[in-house]
């Protein structure tokens, strides 16, 4: 086989691999959208019904995940300037997530309200941890393979959801064992606000740098 033939085969393999990765990214995004819409509706509904601001706020996080996945679908349609724009949009969603988490936690602390039961929080957080860990790991691998900052930022959004799921699970478990410590999950969520906002600010800074490079 000549050098030109080998180069042609190698180029074809690269194209095929890239196309497979893009298809995987599309499937992950659609799965994220469908799952998080369902999770968000259930979490918000149960949160309102059971008087749990933490659970309702967690439902808001699920909708943020939907927005991030939609941005990735838009990014994968092509366009040299869509990479930094998608990353910028995800950074904005991170800041919105921090605001939602801050608002729900502060309201719960100020009102000194406690949920009627912790069972919904425990169940939803356990299911979320299972799916979100899979999505985070898969998105991270695809993002690195495609060298896409936007997809890796979307993976970071899934990681933030994992942290919030663990916080909801821990807070629900503590409240179940020690009802007097109803404020623990809200306090933990307030701590997470700092890290979520910091991640969002970093993504926004990186996306602006990408804009200056491509434009």
Protein backbone atom coordinates (compact mmCIF):
# COMPACT_ATOMS: atom_id res chain seq x y z
CA UNK A 1 0.00 0.00 0.00
CA UNK A 2 1.42 3.38 -1.01
CA UNK A 3 1.78 6.40 1.25
CA UNK A 4 -1.17 8.19 -0.34
CA UNK A 5 -3.39 5.13 0.12
CA UNK A 6 -2.35 4.78 3.76
CA UNK A 7 -3.02 8.47 4.33
CA UNK A 8 -6.46 8.09 2.76
CA UNK A 9 -7.29 5.10 4.98
CA UNK A 10 -6.03 6.92 8.06
CA UNK A 11 -8.09 9.99 7.20
CA UNK A 12 -11.19 7.84 6.69
CA UNK A 13 -10.71 6.20 10.08
CA UNK A 14 -10.38 9.59 11.78
CA UNK A 15 -13.57 10.81 10.11
CA UNK A 16 -15.43 7.62 11.05
CA UNK A 17 -14.24 7.88 14.67
CA UNK A 18 -15.25 11.53 14.87
CA UNK A 19 -18.70 10.78 13.46
CA UNK A 20 -19.17 7.96 16.00
CA UNK A 21 -18.19 10.30 18.83
CA UNK A 22 -20.61 12.95 17.62
CA UNK A 23 -23.42 10.40 17.44
CA UNK A 24 -22.58 9.34 21.00
CA UNK A 25 -22.64 12.97 22.14
CA UNK A 26 -26.04 13.43 20.49
CA UNK A 27 -27.46 10.34 22.22
CA UNK A 28 -26.10 11.50 25.58
CA UNK A 29 -27.65 14.94 25.10
CA UNK A 30 -31.07 13.53 24.18
CA UNK A 31 -30.97 11.13 27.12
CA UNK A 32 -30.06 14.04 29.41
CA UNK A 33 -32.96 16.12 28.12
CA UNK A 34 -35.59 13.38 28.44
CA UNK A 35 -34.42 12.12 31.83
CA UNK A 36 -34.01 15.56 33.42
CA UNK A 37 -37.37 16.83 32.19
CA UNK A 38 -39.02 13.88 33.92
CA UNK A 39 -36.84 14.25 37.02
CA UNK A 40 -37.46 17.99 37.18
CA UNK A 41 -41.23 17.65 36.96
CA UNK A 42 -41.31 14.93 39.62
CA UNK A 43 -38.87 16.70 41.97
CA UNK A 44 -40.61 20.08 41.78
CA UNK A 45 -44.07 18.54 42.19
CA UNK A 46 -43.04 16.44 45.20
CA UNK A 47 -41.02 19.31 46.65
CA UNK A 48 -44.06 21.60 46.60
CA UNK A 49 -46.38 18.86 47.89
CA UNK A 50 -44.06 17.78 50.72
CA UNK A 51 -42.94 21.30 51.64
CA UNK A 52 -39.30 20.64 50.74
CA UNK A 53 -37.52 23.64 49.21
CA UNK A 54 -34.39 21.53 48.83
CA UNK A 55 -36.23 19.00 46.66
CA UNK A 56 -37.97 21.72 44.63
CA UNK A 57 -34.65 23.48 44.12
CA UNK A 58 -33.15 20.19 42.99
CA UNK A 59 -35.88 20.01 40.37
CA UNK A 60 -34.74 23.42 39.17
CA UNK A 61 -31.25 22.00 38.76
CA UNK A 62 -32.67 19.26 36.53
CA UNK A 63 -34.09 21.90 34.20
CA UNK A 64 -30.68 23.62 34.09
CA UNK A 65 -29.26 20.28 32.90
CA UNK A 66 -31.86 20.27 30.13
CA UNK A 67 -30.73 23.72 29.00
CA UNK A 68 -27.08 22.63 28.96
CA UNK A 69 -27.87 19.55 26.86
CA UNK A 70 -29.88 21.66 24.39
CA UNK A 71 -26.85 23.93 23.95
CA UNK A 72 -24.72 20.88 23.13
CA UNK A 73 -27.24 19.73 20.51
CA UNK A 74 -27.02 23.20 18.99
CA UNK A 75 -23.22 23.09 19.14
CA UNK A 76 -23.06 19.73 17.35
CA UNK A 77 -24.91 21.14 14.36
CA UNK A 78 -21.60 22.75 13.40
CA UNK A 79 -20.16 26.24 13.08
CA UNK A 80 -16.75 27.48 14.13
CA UNK A 81 -18.15 30.07 16.54
CA UNK A 82 -20.61 27.73 18.28
CA UNK A 83 -18.00 26.19 20.58
CA UNK A 84 -17.39 29.32 22.65
CA UNK A 85 -21.05 30.39 22.42
CA UNK A 86 -22.23 27.03 23.80
CA UNK A 87 -19.62 27.23 26.57
CA UNK A 88 -20.72 30.78 27.39
CA UNK A 89 -24.34 29.65 27.57
CA UNK A 90 -23.42 26.79 29.91
CA UNK A 91 -21.50 29.26 32.09
CA UNK A 92 -24.66 31.39 32.34
CA UNK A 93 -26.63 28.26 33.30
CA UNK A 94 -24.11 27.56 36.07
CA UNK A 95 -24.70 31.04 37.47
CA UNK A 96 -28.45 30.49 37.23
CA UNK A 97 -28.07 27.16 39.05
CA UNK A 98 -26.10 28.90 41.81
CA UNK A 99 -28.86 31.51 42.09
CA UNK A 100 -31.64 28.88 42.27
CA UNK A 101 -29.74 26.89 44.90
CA UNK A 102 -29.02 30.04 46.92
CA UNK A 103 -32.64 31.21 46.76
CA UNK A 104 -34.19 27.87 47.75
CA UNK A 105 -31.73 27.35 50.61
CA UNK A 106 -32.11 30.86 52.05
CA UNK A 107 -35.91 30.67 51.85
CA UNK A 108 -35.93 27.35 53.71
CA UNK A 109 -33.61 28.65 56.45
CA UNK A 110 -35.52 31.92 56.90
CA UNK A 111 -38.93 30.25 56.99
CA UNK A 112 -37.60 27.47 59.25
CA UNK A 113 -39.70 25.00 57.32
CA UNK A 114 -39.00 21.29 57.29
CA UNK A 115 -40.31 18.72 54.80
CA UNK A 116 -43.24 16.48 55.70
CA UNK A 117 -41.19 13.43 54.77
CA UNK A 118 -37.69 12.71 53.48
CA UNK A 119 -38.59 9.61 51.44
CA UNK A 120 -39.03 11.45 48.09
CA UNK A 121 -35.69 13.23 48.54
CA UNK A 122 -33.86 10.00 49.29
CA UNK A 123 -35.44 8.16 46.36
CA UNK A 124 -34.91 10.89 43.76
CA UNK A 125 -31.34 11.62 44.85
CA UNK A 126 -30.39 7.91 44.66
CA UNK A 127 -31.85 7.58 41.15
CA UNK A 128 -30.17 10.80 40.08
CA UNK A 129 -26.77 9.73 41.41
CA UNK A 130 -26.97 6.54 39.36
CA UNK A 131 -27.80 8.22 36.05
CA UNK A 132 -25.77 11.40 36.52
CA UNK A 133 -22.56 9.53 37.30
CA UNK A 134 -22.94 7.60 34.04
CA UNK A 135 -23.68 10.79 32.07
CA UNK A 136 -20.82 12.74 33.64
CA UNK A 137 -18.27 10.01 32.89
CA UNK A 138 -19.52 9.44 29.33
CA UNK A 139 -19.69 13.15 28.45
CA UNK A 140 -16.21 13.74 29.86
CA UNK A 141 -14.74 10.97 27.69
CA UNK A 142 -16.50 12.19 24.54
CA UNK A 143 -15.58 15.80 25.23
CA UNK A 144 -11.92 14.96 25.65
CA UNK A 145 -11.89 12.78 22.53
CA UNK A 146 -13.49 15.55 20.45
CA UNK A 147 -11.44 18.23 22.24
CA UNK A 148 -14.67 20.11 22.88
CA UNK A 149 -14.70 22.54 25.79
CA UNK A 150 -18.47 22.87 25.46
CA UNK A 151 -19.09 19.14 25.96
CA UNK A 152 -16.62 19.02 28.86
CA UNK A 153 -18.44 21.99 30.43
CA UNK A 154 -21.69 20.09 29.97
CA UNK A 155 -20.03 17.20 31.82
CA UNK A 156 -19.14 19.65 34.59
CA UNK A 157 -22.84 20.56 34.78
CA UNK A 158 -23.63 16.87 35.31
CA UNK A 159 -20.95 16.75 38.02
CA UNK A 160 -22.62 19.70 39.76
CA UNK A 161 -25.87 17.73 39.66
CA UNK A 162 -24.08 14.78 41.28
CA UNK A 163 -22.90 17.03 44.11
CA UNK A 164 -26.39 18.44 44.61
CA UNK A 165 -27.85 14.92 44.54
CA UNK A 166 -25.44 13.85 47.26
CA UNK A 167 -26.29 16.96 49.27
CA UNK A 168 -30.02 16.22 48.96
CA UNK A 169 -29.44 12.58 49.96
CA UNK A 170 -27.27 13.53 52.93
CA UNK A 171 -29.67 16.23 54.10
CA UNK A 172 -32.68 13.92 53.78
CA UNK A 173 -30.90 11.14 55.69
CA UNK A 174 -29.80 13.48 58.49
CA UNK A 175 -33.28 14.96 58.82
CA UNK A 176 -34.76 11.45 58.94
CA UNK A 177 -32.43 10.51 61.81
CA UNK A 178 -32.30 13.90 63.56
CA UNK A 179 -35.41 16.03 62.78
CA UNK A 180 -33.99 18.92 64.84
CA UNK A 181 -31.26 19.36 62.20
CA UNK A 182 -33.70 20.30 59.41
CA UNK A 183 -31.34 23.07 58.25
CA UNK A 184 -28.35 20.82 57.44
CA UNK A 185 -29.12 20.24 53.75
CA UNK A 186 -29.76 23.95 53.19
CA UNK A 187 -26.45 24.82 54.83
CA UNK A 188 -24.61 22.27 52.70
CA UNK A 189 -26.34 23.63 49.59
CA UNK A 190 -25.19 27.14 50.47
CA UNK A 191 -21.61 25.89 50.56
CA UNK A 192 -22.11 24.30 47.15
CA UNK A 193 -23.32 27.65 45.79
CA UNK A 194 -19.79 29.01 46.11
CA UNK A 195 -18.24 26.16 44.11
CA UNK A 196 -20.98 26.20 41.45
CA UNK A 197 -20.64 29.96 40.97
CA UNK A 198 -16.85 29.69 40.83
CA UNK A 199 -17.12 27.02 38.14
CA UNK A 200 -19.55 29.18 36.19
CA UNK A 201 -17.24 32.20 36.34
CA UNK A 202 -14.32 30.08 35.13
CA UNK A 203 -16.38 28.73 32.21
CA UNK A 204 -17.41 32.27 31.24
CA UNK A 205 -13.80 33.45 31.31
CA UNK A 206 -12.64 30.49 29.21
CA UNK A 207 -15.43 30.99 26.67
CA UNK A 208 -14.47 34.64 26.24
CA UNK A 209 -10.89 33.60 25.57
CA UNK A 210 -12.20 31.16 22.96
CA UNK A 211 -14.18 33.97 21.37
CA UNK A 212 -11.10 36.16 21.03
CA UNK A 213 -9.20 33.26 19.40
CA UNK A 214 -11.86 32.25 16.85
CA UNK A 215 -13.18 35.72 16.10
